[in-house]
């Protein structure tokens, strides 16, 4: 998906799914670039931006504040988030 498609599909909505480690993930990407995430016992806030072929996040604590970029593949009504190394990061099953 393009960054514009991700923005249209996810910005301002609650994005829910399962992370690669099998924990539930709740993600919120706001139109103003703010972001929040909760997965298992971990929660964080930060920023996000769209890219030509995905999106990038920078969290206050996760990954020591280093920006990480992801690609997203739509699979019917679900979305597969792919890590920079090509591994599966999360399967998004609900957007509301």
N, C-alpha and C. Protein backbone atom coordinates (compact mmCIF):
# COMPACT_ATOMS: atom_id res chain seq x y z
N UNK A 1 0.85 -1.18 0.00
CA UNK A 1 0.00 0.00 0.00
C UNK A 1 0.89 1.24 0.00
N UNK A 2 0.39 2.29 -0.59
CA UNK A 2 1.12 3.55 -0.55
C UNK A 2 0.87 4.24 0.78
N UNK A 3 1.70 5.20 1.08
CA UNK A 3 1.50 5.98 2.29
C UNK A 3 0.16 6.69 2.30
N UNK A 4 -0.26 7.19 1.13
CA UNK A 4 -1.56 7.86 1.03
C UNK A 4 -2.70 6.89 1.33
N UNK A 5 -2.59 5.66 0.85
CA UNK A 5 -3.61 4.66 1.13
C UNK A 5 -3.65 4.30 2.61
N UNK A 6 -2.48 4.21 3.23
CA UNK A 6 -2.42 3.92 4.67
C UNK A 6 -3.04 5.06 5.46
N UNK A 7 -2.71 6.29 5.08
CA UNK A 7 -3.29 7.46 5.76
C UNK A 7 -4.81 7.42 5.65
N UNK A 8 -5.32 7.16 4.46
CA UNK A 8 -6.77 7.12 4.26
C UNK A 8 -7.42 6.00 5.07
N UNK A 9 -6.78 4.85 5.11
CA UNK A 9 -7.36 3.69 5.79
C UNK A 9 -7.24 3.74 7.30
N UNK A 10 -6.15 4.32 7.83
CA UNK A 10 -5.85 4.19 9.26
C UNK A 10 -5.86 5.49 10.05
N UNK A 11 -5.58 6.63 9.46
CA UNK A 11 -5.43 7.87 10.24
C UNK A 11 -6.72 8.20 10.99
N UNK A 12 -6.58 8.45 12.28
CA UNK A 12 -7.70 8.81 13.13
C UNK A 12 -8.56 7.64 13.56
N UNK A 13 -8.11 6.42 13.28
CA UNK A 13 -8.89 5.23 13.61
C UNK A 13 -8.10 4.32 14.55
N UNK A 14 -8.83 3.44 15.23
CA UNK A 14 -8.18 2.43 16.07
C UNK A 14 -7.87 1.23 15.18
N UNK A 15 -6.60 0.86 15.14
CA UNK A 15 -6.11 -0.24 14.32
C UNK A 15 -5.73 -1.37 15.27
N UNK A 16 -6.33 -2.54 15.06
CA UNK A 16 -6.13 -3.65 15.99
C UNK A 16 -5.72 -4.91 15.25
N UNK A 17 -4.89 -5.71 15.90
CA UNK A 17 -4.47 -6.96 15.29
C UNK A 17 -3.60 -7.77 16.22
N UNK A 18 -2.77 -8.60 15.62
CA UNK A 18 -1.88 -9.48 16.38
C UNK A 18 -0.46 -9.26 15.91
N UNK A 19 0.44 -9.00 16.86
CA UNK A 19 1.86 -8.82 16.55
C UNK A 19 2.49 -10.18 16.25
N UNK A 20 3.67 -10.16 15.68
CA UNK A 20 4.38 -11.39 15.34
C UNK A 20 4.62 -12.28 16.57
N UNK A 21 4.74 -11.66 17.75
CA UNK A 21 4.97 -12.44 18.97
C UNK A 21 3.65 -12.94 19.59
N UNK A 22 2.54 -12.82 18.85
CA UNK A 22 1.21 -13.31 19.22
C UNK A 22 0.49 -12.42 20.23
N UNK A 23 1.04 -11.27 20.61
CA UNK A 23 0.33 -10.37 21.51
C UNK A 23 -0.62 -9.49 20.69
N UNK A 24 -1.71 -9.09 21.34
CA UNK A 24 -2.66 -8.18 20.70
C UNK A 24 -2.00 -6.81 20.56
N UNK A 25 -2.24 -6.14 19.46
CA UNK A 25 -1.67 -4.81 19.24
C UNK A 25 -2.80 -3.84 18.92
N UNK A 26 -2.71 -2.67 19.54
CA UNK A 26 -3.65 -1.57 19.32
C UNK A 26 -2.82 -0.37 18.91
N UNK A 27 -3.10 0.17 17.73
CA UNK A 27 -2.30 1.26 17.17
C UNK A 27 -3.24 2.39 16.78
N UNK A 28 -2.80 3.61 17.05
CA UNK A 28 -3.57 4.79 16.61
C UNK A 28 -2.60 5.75 15.96
N UNK A 29 -2.86 6.07 14.70
CA UNK A 29 -2.07 7.02 13.93
C UNK A 29 -2.95 8.21 13.64
N UNK A 30 -2.60 9.36 14.20
CA UNK A 30 -3.44 10.55 14.03
C UNK A 30 -3.04 11.33 12.78
N UNK A 31 -3.96 12.10 12.23
CA UNK A 31 -3.72 12.90 11.04
C UNK A 31 -2.61 13.93 11.26
N UNK A 32 -2.41 14.37 12.52
CA UNK A 32 -1.39 15.38 12.82
C UNK A 32 0.00 14.79 13.04
N UNK A 33 0.15 13.46 12.83
CA UNK A 33 1.46 12.83 12.97
C UNK A 33 1.73 12.22 14.33
N UNK A 34 0.84 12.37 15.28
CA UNK A 34 1.01 11.73 16.58
C UNK A 34 0.58 10.27 16.48
N UNK A 35 1.15 9.44 17.35
CA UNK A 35 0.83 8.01 17.33
C UNK A 35 0.88 7.44 18.74
N UNK A 36 0.13 6.35 18.93
CA UNK A 36 0.19 5.61 20.19
C UNK A 36 0.06 4.13 19.87
N UNK A 37 0.66 3.31 20.73
CA UNK A 37 0.62 1.87 20.52
C UNK A 37 0.54 1.17 21.88
N UNK A 38 -0.17 0.04 21.89
CA UNK A 38 -0.19 -0.84 23.05
C UNK A 38 -0.12 -2.26 22.53
N UNK A 39 0.79 -3.02 23.08
CA UNK A 39 0.95 -4.42 22.71
C UNK A 39 1.39 -5.19 23.94
N UNK A 40 0.55 -6.10 24.39
CA UNK A 40 0.85 -6.81 25.63
C UNK A 40 0.92 -5.80 26.78
N UNK A 41 2.00 -5.85 27.57
CA UNK A 41 2.19 -4.93 28.68
C UNK A 41 2.90 -3.65 28.27
N UNK A 42 3.22 -3.51 27.02
CA UNK A 42 3.98 -2.37 26.51
C UNK A 42 3.05 -1.33 25.91
N UNK A 43 3.25 -0.08 26.27
CA UNK A 43 2.53 1.01 25.60
C UNK A 43 3.52 2.16 25.41
N UNK A 44 3.29 2.94 24.35
CA UNK A 44 4.21 4.03 24.04
C UNK A 44 3.49 5.06 23.19
N UNK A 45 4.07 6.23 23.11
CA UNK A 45 3.57 7.29 22.25
C UNK A 45 4.73 7.79 21.40
N UNK A 46 4.39 8.42 20.30
CA UNK A 46 5.43 8.94 19.42
C UNK A 46 4.83 9.63 18.23
N UNK A 47 5.52 9.50 17.10
CA UNK A 47 5.08 10.13 15.87
C UNK A 47 5.11 9.12 14.73
N UNK A 48 4.43 9.47 13.65
CA UNK A 48 4.44 8.63 12.47
C UNK A 48 4.39 9.53 11.24
N UNK A 49 4.80 8.95 10.11
CA UNK A 49 4.70 9.65 8.83
C UNK A 49 4.52 8.60 7.74
N UNK A 50 3.83 9.01 6.69
CA UNK A 50 3.66 8.10 5.56
C UNK A 50 4.86 8.24 4.63
N UNK A 51 5.12 7.18 3.87
CA UNK A 51 6.19 7.18 2.87
C UNK A 51 5.57 6.72 1.54
N UNK A 52 6.36 6.70 0.50
CA UNK A 52 5.84 6.28 -0.80
C UNK A 52 5.27 4.87 -0.77
N UNK A 53 5.88 4.00 0.04
CA UNK A 53 5.44 2.60 0.05
C UNK A 53 5.11 2.07 1.44
N UNK A 54 4.72 2.94 2.36
CA UNK A 54 4.39 2.48 3.70
C UNK A 54 4.32 3.60 4.71
N UNK A 55 4.84 3.33 5.89
CA UNK A 55 4.84 4.33 6.95
C UNK A 55 6.02 4.09 7.89
N UNK A 56 6.38 5.13 8.63
CA UNK A 56 7.47 5.06 9.60
C UNK A 56 6.95 5.53 10.95
N UNK A 57 7.46 4.93 12.03
CA UNK A 57 7.13 5.36 13.39
C UNK A 57 8.41 5.66 14.17
N UNK A 58 8.29 6.60 15.07
CA UNK A 58 9.34 6.91 16.04
C UNK A 58 8.66 6.95 17.40
N UNK A 59 9.04 6.03 18.28
CA UNK A 59 8.42 5.93 19.61
C UNK A 59 9.35 6.52 20.66
N UNK A 60 8.77 6.96 21.75
CA UNK A 60 9.56 7.54 22.84
C UNK A 60 10.51 6.51 23.45
N UNK A 61 10.04 5.26 23.63
CA UNK A 61 10.86 4.24 24.27
C UNK A 61 11.19 3.05 23.36
N UNK A 62 10.22 2.65 22.55
CA UNK A 62 10.43 1.48 21.69
C UNK A 62 11.57 1.77 20.72
N UNK A 63 12.46 0.81 20.56
CA UNK A 63 13.63 0.91 19.67
C UNK A 63 14.50 2.12 20.01
N UNK A 64 14.51 2.51 21.27
CA UNK A 64 15.33 3.64 21.75
C UNK A 64 15.10 4.91 20.94
N UNK A 65 13.86 5.11 20.48
CA UNK A 65 13.52 6.32 19.75
C UNK A 65 14.00 6.36 18.31
N UNK A 66 14.49 5.25 17.80
CA UNK A 66 14.95 5.21 16.41
C UNK A 66 13.76 5.02 15.46
N UNK A 67 13.72 5.82 14.40
CA UNK A 67 12.65 5.67 13.42
C UNK A 67 12.78 4.32 12.71
N UNK A 68 11.63 3.65 12.52
CA UNK A 68 11.59 2.39 11.79
C UNK A 68 10.47 2.49 10.77
N UNK A 69 10.74 2.02 9.56
CA UNK A 69 9.76 2.11 8.47
C UNK A 69 9.25 0.72 8.09
N UNK A 70 7.98 0.66 7.74
CA UNK A 70 7.29 -0.58 7.45
C UNK A 70 6.58 -0.49 6.10
N UNK A 71 6.36 -1.61 5.49
CA UNK A 71 5.48 -1.69 4.34
C UNK A 71 4.22 -2.43 4.77
N UNK A 72 3.15 -2.20 4.04
CA UNK A 72 1.87 -2.81 4.38
C UNK A 72 1.28 -3.44 3.12
N UNK A 73 0.81 -4.68 3.25
CA UNK A 73 0.17 -5.39 2.15
C UNK A 73 -1.27 -5.66 2.55
N UNK A 74 -2.20 -5.20 1.73
CA UNK A 74 -3.62 -5.47 1.99
C UNK A 74 -3.93 -6.91 1.57
N UNK A 75 -4.60 -7.62 2.46
CA UNK A 75 -5.02 -9.00 2.19
C UNK A 75 -6.52 -9.07 2.43
N UNK A 76 -7.30 -8.72 1.42
CA UNK A 76 -8.75 -8.64 1.59
C UNK A 76 -9.06 -7.52 2.56
N UNK A 77 -9.73 -7.83 3.67
CA UNK A 77 -10.05 -6.84 4.69
C UNK A 77 -9.01 -6.74 5.79
N UNK A 78 -7.89 -7.43 5.62
CA UNK A 78 -6.82 -7.40 6.63
C UNK A 78 -5.58 -6.76 6.03
N UNK A 79 -4.63 -6.42 6.90
CA UNK A 79 -3.40 -5.77 6.48
C UNK A 79 -2.21 -6.46 7.13
N UNK A 80 -1.23 -6.84 6.33
CA UNK A 80 0.00 -7.44 6.84
C UNK A 80 1.06 -6.34 6.90
N UNK A 81 1.57 -6.08 8.11
CA UNK A 81 2.64 -5.10 8.32
C UNK A 81 3.96 -5.85 8.25
N UNK A 82 4.84 -5.39 7.38
CA UNK A 82 6.11 -6.07 7.15
C UNK A 82 7.26 -5.22 7.68
N UNK A 83 8.10 -5.84 8.52
CA UNK A 83 9.26 -5.17 9.11
C UNK A 83 10.30 -4.83 8.03
N UNK A 84 11.25 -3.94 8.36
CA UNK A 84 12.29 -3.58 7.40
C UNK A 84 13.11 -4.77 6.91
N UNK A 85 13.26 -5.82 7.73
CA UNK A 85 14.04 -6.99 7.32
C UNK A 85 13.22 -8.00 6.51
N UNK A 86 11.96 -7.68 6.22
CA UNK A 86 11.10 -8.55 5.44
C UNK A 86 10.27 -9.52 6.25
N UNK A 87 10.50 -9.57 7.56
CA UNK A 87 9.72 -10.47 8.41
C UNK A 87 8.34 -9.85 8.70
N UNK A 88 7.40 -10.70 9.09
CA UNK A 88 6.06 -10.22 9.43
C UNK A 88 6.11 -9.51 10.77
N UNK A 89 5.52 -8.31 10.82
CA UNK A 89 5.49 -7.55 12.06
C UNK A 89 4.16 -7.69 12.79
N UNK A 90 3.07 -7.63 12.02
CA UNK A 90 1.73 -7.73 12.62
C UNK A 90 0.72 -8.02 11.54
N UNK A 91 -0.38 -8.62 11.94
CA UNK A 91 -1.52 -8.81 11.07
C UNK A 91 -2.65 -7.96 11.64
N UNK A 92 -3.05 -6.94 10.91
CA UNK A 92 -4.13 -6.03 11.34
C UNK A 92 -5.44 -6.62 10.85
N UNK A 93 -6.35 -6.85 11.79
CA UNK A 93 -7.61 -7.51 11.45
C UNK A 93 -8.82 -6.59 11.60
N UNK A 94 -8.70 -5.50 12.34
CA UNK A 94 -9.82 -4.59 12.57
C UNK A 94 -9.36 -3.15 12.50
N UNK A 95 -10.12 -2.33 11.81
CA UNK A 95 -9.88 -0.88 11.77
C UNK A 95 -11.24 -0.23 12.00
N UNK A 96 -11.31 0.60 13.04
CA UNK A 96 -12.57 1.29 13.29
C UNK A 96 -12.33 2.68 13.85
